[in-house]
Protein backbone atom coordinates (compact mmCIF):
# COMPACT_ATOMS: atom_id res chain seq x y z
CA UNK A 1 -0.10 -0.16 0.33
CA UNK A 2 2.90 2.76 0.42
CA UNK A 3 4.43 1.54 -2.75
CA UNK A 4 0.69 2.39 -4.46
CA UNK A 5 0.51 5.82 -2.74
CA UNK A 6 3.81 6.90 -3.71
CA UNK A 7 3.20 5.98 -6.69
CA UNK A 8 0.15 7.68 -6.63
CA UNK A 9 1.35 10.63 -5.40
CA UNK A 10 4.44 10.77 -8.17
CA UNK A 11 1.49 10.59 -10.69
CA UNK A 12 -0.45 13.63 -8.79
CA UNK A 13 2.75 16.08 -8.42
CA UNK A 14 3.10 15.08 -12.59
CA UNK A 15 -0.37 15.19 -14.08
CA UNK A 16 0.17 19.11 -11.45
CA UNK A 17 3.15 19.61 -13.30
CA UNK A 18 1.80 19.06 -16.82
CA UNK A 19 -1.22 21.00 -15.65
CA UNK A 20 0.51 23.67 -14.51
CA UNK A 21 2.75 24.10 -17.77
CA UNK A 22 -0.34 24.00 -19.58
CA UNK A 23 -1.99 26.68 -18.32
CA UNK A 24 1.17 28.43 -18.67
CA UNK A 25 1.44 28.16 -22.61
CA UNK A 26 -2.57 28.92 -22.20
CA UNK A 27 -2.24 32.29 -20.75
CA UNK A 28 0.34 33.19 -23.42
CA UNK A 29 -1.49 32.63 -26.44
CA UNK A 30 -4.12 33.89 -24.68
CA UNK A 31 -6.39 31.33 -23.59
CA UNK A 32 -8.15 31.06 -20.30
CA UNK A 33 -8.81 26.91 -20.28
CA UNK A 34 -8.93 24.40 -23.08
CA UNK A 35 -12.59 25.41 -24.06
CA UNK A 36 -12.16 28.33 -24.72
CA UNK A 37 -8.30 27.18 -27.19
CA UNK A 38 -11.47 24.74 -29.09
CA UNK A 39 -13.22 27.56 -28.92
CA UNK A 40 -10.65 29.81 -31.47
CA UNK A 41 -9.79 27.03 -32.89
CA UNK A 42 -13.01 26.07 -34.53
CA UNK A 43 -12.97 29.76 -35.31
CA UNK A 44 -9.94 29.34 -36.89
CA UNK A 45 -11.59 26.24 -39.13
CA UNK A 46 -14.41 28.44 -39.60
CA UNK A 47 -13.00 31.13 -41.25
CA UNK A 48 -11.04 28.74 -43.70
CA UNK A 49 -13.94 26.95 -44.78
CA UNK A 50 -15.65 30.73 -45.00
CA UNK A 51 -12.31 31.51 -47.46
CA UNK A 52 -12.27 28.54 -49.60
CA UNK A 53 -16.36 29.26 -50.01
CA UNK A 54 -15.24 32.84 -51.32
CA UNK A 55 -12.57 31.72 -53.20
CA UNK A 56 -15.33 28.94 -54.81
CA UNK A 57 -17.93 31.82 -55.11
CA UNK A 58 -14.72 33.86 -57.09
CA UNK A 59 -14.99 30.95 -59.49
CA UNK A 60 -18.24 30.34 -60.15
CA UNK A 61 -18.46 34.25 -60.75
CA UNK A 62 -15.63 34.00 -63.16
CA UNK A 63 -17.13 31.10 -65.12
CA UNK A 64 -20.35 32.67 -65.68
CA UNK A 65 -18.35 35.61 -66.92
CA UNK A 66 -17.44 33.28 -69.78
CA UNK A 67 -20.26 31.50 -69.77
CA UNK A 68 -22.31 34.09 -70.76
CA UNK A 69 -19.37 35.96 -73.06
CA UNK A 70 -19.02 32.91 -74.80
CA UNK A 71 -23.18 32.77 -75.42
CA UNK A 72 -22.87 36.31 -77.03
CA UNK A 73 -19.98 35.18 -79.14
CA UNK A 74 -22.40 31.62 -80.48
CA UNK A 75 -25.20 34.49 -80.38
CA UNK A 76 -23.56 36.88 -82.75
CA UNK A 77 -22.14 33.67 -84.71
CA UNK A 78 -25.75 32.42 -85.59
CA UNK A 79 -26.59 35.86 -86.42
CA UNK A 80 -23.92 35.51 -88.97
CA UNK A 81 -24.69 32.38 -90.03
CA UNK A 82 -28.89 33.10 -90.57
CA UNK A 83 -27.09 36.15 -92.82
CA UNK A 84 -24.92 34.17 -95.30
CA UNK A 85 -27.50 31.33 -94.99
CA UNK A 86 -29.95 34.39 -96.65
CA UNK A 87 -27.77 35.82 -99.00
CA UNK A 88 -26.62 31.99 -100.15
CA UNK A 89 -30.37 31.41 -100.78
CA UNK A 90 -31.18 34.55 -102.57
CA UNK A 91 -27.77 33.61 -104.91
CA UNK A 92 -29.85 30.38 -105.87
CA UNK A 93 -32.48 31.98 -106.15
CA UNK A 94 -30.93 34.32 -108.41
CA UNK A 95 -28.54 31.73 -110.75
CA UNK A 96 -32.62 30.04 -111.23
CA UNK A 97 -34.17 33.42 -112.31
CA UNK A 98 -30.32 33.81 -114.97
CA UNK A 99 -30.63 30.20 -116.09
CA UNK A 100 -34.36 29.83 -116.64
CA UNK A 101 -34.47 33.54 -118.17
CA UNK A 102 -31.11 32.85 -119.95
CA UNK A 103 -33.24 29.43 -121.64
CA UNK A 104 -36.63 31.52 -122.31
CA UNK A 105 -34.01 33.86 -124.92
CA UNK A 106 -32.61 31.14 -126.35
CA UNK A 107 -35.92 30.09 -127.23
CA UNK A 108 -36.96 33.15 -129.36
CA UNK A 109 -33.74 33.06 -130.53
CA UNK A 110 -33.42 36.62 -129.13
CA UNK A 111 -30.30 38.12 -127.28
CA UNK A 112 -31.36 42.09 -126.21
CA UNK A 113 -30.12 42.59 -122.40
CA UNK A 114 -27.06 43.67 -121.17
CA UNK A 115 -25.11 42.46 -117.75
CA UNK A 116 -26.92 45.14 -116.50
CA UNK A 117 -30.54 44.49 -117.27
CA UNK A 118 -30.23 40.97 -116.47
CA UNK A 119 -28.28 42.18 -113.21
CA UNK A 120 -31.31 44.23 -112.21
CA UNK A 121 -34.47 41.70 -113.65
CA UNK A 122 -32.67 39.62 -110.95
CA UNK A 123 -32.30 41.57 -108.10
CA UNK A 124 -36.27 42.73 -108.26
CA UNK A 125 -37.12 38.58 -109.38
CA UNK A 126 -35.79 37.28 -106.19
CA UNK A 127 -38.17 39.03 -104.79
CA UNK A 128 -41.27 36.97 -106.41
CA UNK A 129 -41.83 34.08 -108.16
CA UNK A 130 -40.37 32.29 -110.83
CA UNK A 131 -43.09 32.47 -113.61
CA UNK A 132 -43.63 36.48 -112.43
CA UNK A 133 -39.58 36.60 -112.68
CA UNK A 134 -39.99 35.76 -116.43
CA UNK A 135 -42.72 38.71 -117.11
CA UNK A 136 -40.85 41.00 -114.96
CA UNK A 137 -38.09 40.63 -117.81
CA UNK A 138 -39.87 40.49 -120.87
CA UNK A 139 -41.29 43.85 -119.65
CA UNK A 140 -37.59 44.80 -119.13
CA UNK A 141 -36.37 43.77 -122.67
CA UNK A 142 -39.95 45.17 -124.00
CA UNK A 143 -40.63 41.96 -126.08
């Protein structure tokens, strides 16, 4: 029993020394006790988490900005493509009208037009149906 008592006393003395050292360290960093230290550490961890979330929010904003720019570019290119498509359709229709007019002229054996007349007739005719275009051409040529 005496040995156990001495061992317990030494252990208690060591624990008291450890507690004293711990209290001294806590006082150096401005903490009252272990609970206060835990609160501070939790606050630092929360601050770190909030900083990471803020970084992720900024990244998402940057991605949204990039996506908006890409959508604007896509819209602009889409509009340009539609214009090119419309121009191609008009050009194809003009070529059809020119071919039909040339065939009609060859049928009658008469070539009474200038390239300017043909261009004007095809521009007028591109807004009309094919048969109406021939009548317009006939009016321009005076046939």
